[in-house]
Amino acid sequence: MSVYNPYQQYKQTQISTASQGSLILMLYDAALRNLRIAIESVNHKKGNDAHNALLRAQDIVSELNIALNMEAGDIAQNLRKLYTYMYTRLVEANVKKDAQIIEEVLGLMSGLQEAWAGIIRKQKSIPVQGGYDGGI
């Protein structure tokens, strides 16, 4: 028997109605949140909490990698390389429980999140024409 959770229902509605660009931004936000939790957990010697947060971050990086449209050219190819690198570093950070590696990935992910946020802001300022739905 499931218990009604209004917050969970709100989040589900938010996700199901978001544009592709907004979904990617949500993934970046969740990855950053988990990376911060992992750093805090490593620093406080909470290995299991760090492990779980790093696994969630790895899953998000994998999802971002899978979602790439490789027909987009060099940008998609470069993002694939970057996601693969970040994933590898997260695995290494998880094995070693190394906060410096997590900080490195956090910096890379923060830069990507800022870039996507800028793209979305820019697209919202462009009037919708010719059937364009605002998705990325």
Protein backbone atom coordinates (compact mmCIF):
# COMPACT_ATOMS: atom_id res chain seq x y z
CA MET A 1 0.00 0.00 0.00
CA SER A 2 1.52 3.31 -1.03
CA VAL A 3 1.18 6.51 0.95
CA TYR A 4 0.17 9.68 -0.88
CA ASN A 5 3.11 12.07 -0.96
CA PRO A 6 2.20 15.53 -2.32
CA TYR A 7 5.84 16.51 -2.80
CA GLN A 8 6.54 13.37 -4.84
CA GLN A 9 3.40 14.02 -6.91
CA TYR A 10 4.54 17.60 -7.54
CA LYS A 11 8.02 16.44 -8.61
CA GLN A 12 6.51 13.82 -10.94
CA THR A 13 4.26 16.45 -12.54
CA GLN A 14 7.20 18.84 -12.87
CA ILE A 15 9.28 16.18 -14.63
CA SER A 16 6.50 14.99 -16.93
CA THR A 17 5.74 18.53 -18.15
CA ALA A 18 9.31 19.83 -18.48
CA SER A 19 11.02 20.55 -21.78
CA GLN A 20 14.03 18.46 -22.78
CA GLY A 21 16.38 21.30 -21.82
CA SER A 22 14.73 21.65 -18.41
CA LEU A 23 15.04 17.89 -17.85
CA ILE A 24 18.75 18.04 -18.60
CA LEU A 25 19.08 20.95 -16.17
CA MET A 26 17.26 18.89 -13.51
CA LEU A 27 19.72 16.06 -14.08
CA TYR A 28 22.66 18.42 -13.65
CA ASP A 29 21.12 19.83 -10.47
CA ALA A 30 20.60 16.33 -9.06
CA ALA A 31 24.16 15.32 -9.96
CA LEU A 32 25.56 18.43 -8.27
CA ARG A 33 23.46 17.79 -5.16
CA ASN A 34 24.72 14.20 -4.97
CA LEU A 35 28.33 15.26 -5.53
CA ARG A 36 28.07 17.74 -2.65
CA ILE A 37 26.59 15.02 -0.44
CA ALA A 38 29.44 12.70 -1.45
CA ILE A 39 32.09 15.29 -0.59
CA GLU A 40 30.49 15.97 2.78
CA SER A 41 30.17 12.25 3.45
CA VAL A 42 33.80 11.54 2.54
CA ASN A 43 34.96 14.42 4.73
CA HIS A 44 32.95 13.04 7.66
CA LYS A 45 34.11 9.44 7.07
CA LYS A 46 30.61 8.26 6.14
CA GLY A 47 31.69 5.78 3.48
CA ASN A 48 28.29 4.23 2.83
CA ASP A 49 26.60 7.63 2.36
CA ALA A 50 29.42 8.70 0.02
CA HIS A 51 29.09 5.44 -1.93
CA ASN A 52 25.33 5.88 -2.40
CA ALA A 53 25.63 9.52 -3.46
CA LEU A 54 28.41 8.67 -5.91
CA LEU A 55 26.36 5.83 -7.40
CA ARG A 56 23.46 8.24 -7.96
CA ALA A 57 25.84 10.75 -9.58
CA GLN A 58 27.29 7.99 -11.80
CA ASP A 59 23.77 6.98 -12.85
CA ILE A 60 22.97 10.58 -13.78
CA VAL A 61 26.17 10.97 -15.82
CA SER A 62 25.30 7.71 -17.61
CA GLU A 63 21.80 9.00 -18.34
CA LEU A 64 23.19 12.27 -19.71
CA ASN A 65 25.59 10.30 -21.91
CA ILE A 66 22.85 8.00 -23.22
CA ALA A 67 20.58 10.98 -23.98
CA LEU A 68 23.12 12.64 -26.28
CA ASN A 69 22.02 13.15 -29.86
CA MET A 70 25.20 12.11 -31.64
CA GLU A 71 23.93 13.65 -34.88
CA ALA A 72 24.54 17.06 -33.26
CA GLY A 73 28.19 16.80 -34.30
CA ASP A 74 31.29 17.91 -32.44
CA ILE A 75 29.42 19.21 -29.38
CA ALA A 76 27.82 15.82 -28.75
CA GLN A 77 31.11 14.01 -29.35
CA ASN A 78 32.92 16.30 -26.92
CA LEU A 79 30.18 15.92 -24.32
CA ARG A 80 30.38 12.13 -24.69
CA LYS A 81 34.13 12.26 -23.99
CA LEU A 82 33.55 14.54 -21.01
CA TYR A 83 30.75 12.37 -19.58
CA THR A 84 32.90 9.25 -20.01
CA TYR A 85 35.77 10.97 -18.24
CA MET A 86 33.53 12.15 -15.39
CA TYR A 87 32.02 8.69 -15.00
CA THR A 88 35.47 7.10 -14.82
CA ARG A 89 36.60 9.66 -12.24
CA LEU A 90 33.46 9.07 -10.15
CA VAL A 91 34.14 5.33 -10.10
CA GLU A 92 37.71 6.07 -9.01
CA ALA A 93 36.48 8.52 -6.36
CA ASN A 94 34.08 5.91 -5.06
CA VAL A 95 36.77 3.25 -4.78
CA LYS A 96 39.24 5.61 -3.11
CA LYS A 97 36.68 7.78 -1.26
CA ASP A 98 38.66 10.76 -2.58
CA ALA A 99 37.01 14.16 -2.10
CA GLN A 100 39.48 15.88 -4.47
CA ILE A 101 38.35 13.74 -7.39
CA ILE A 102 34.72 14.47 -6.53
CA GLU A 103 35.57 18.22 -6.39
CA GLU A 104 37.08 17.94 -9.88
CA VAL A 105 33.90 16.39 -11.28
CA LEU A 106 31.79 18.91 -9.36
CA GLY A 107 33.66 21.72 -11.12
CA LEU A 108 33.14 20.18 -14.55
CA MET A 109 29.47 19.50 -13.84
CA SER A 110 28.95 23.03 -12.50
CA GLY A 111 30.31 24.49 -15.72
CA LEU A 112 27.98 22.35 -17.81
CA GLN A 113 25.01 23.21 -15.61
CA GLU A 114 25.72 26.94 -15.97
CA ALA A 115 26.03 26.58 -19.74
CA TRP A 116 22.68 24.74 -19.99
CA ALA A 117 20.99 27.28 -17.73
CA GLY A 118 22.26 30.04 -20.05
CA ILE A 119 20.98 28.21 -23.13
CA ILE A 120 17.55 27.77 -21.58
CA ARG A 121 17.38 31.43 -20.49
CA LYS A 122 18.37 32.51 -23.99
CA GLN A 123 15.76 30.27 -25.63
CA LYS A 124 13.01 31.51 -23.33
CA SER A 125 13.73 35.05 -24.54
CA ILE A 126 13.28 34.04 -28.20
CA PRO A 127 9.65 34.18 -29.40
CA VAL A 128 8.21 30.81 -30.45
CA GLN A 129 7.67 30.67 -34.23
CA GLY A 130 7.23 28.12 -36.95
CA GLY A 131 6.21 25.23 -34.72
CA TYR A 132 9.33 25.33 -32.55
CA ASP A 133 8.35 24.06 -29.09
CA GLY A 134 11.36 25.36 -27.15
CA GLY A 135 12.92 21.91 -26.64
CA ILE A 136 16.62 21.36 -27.02
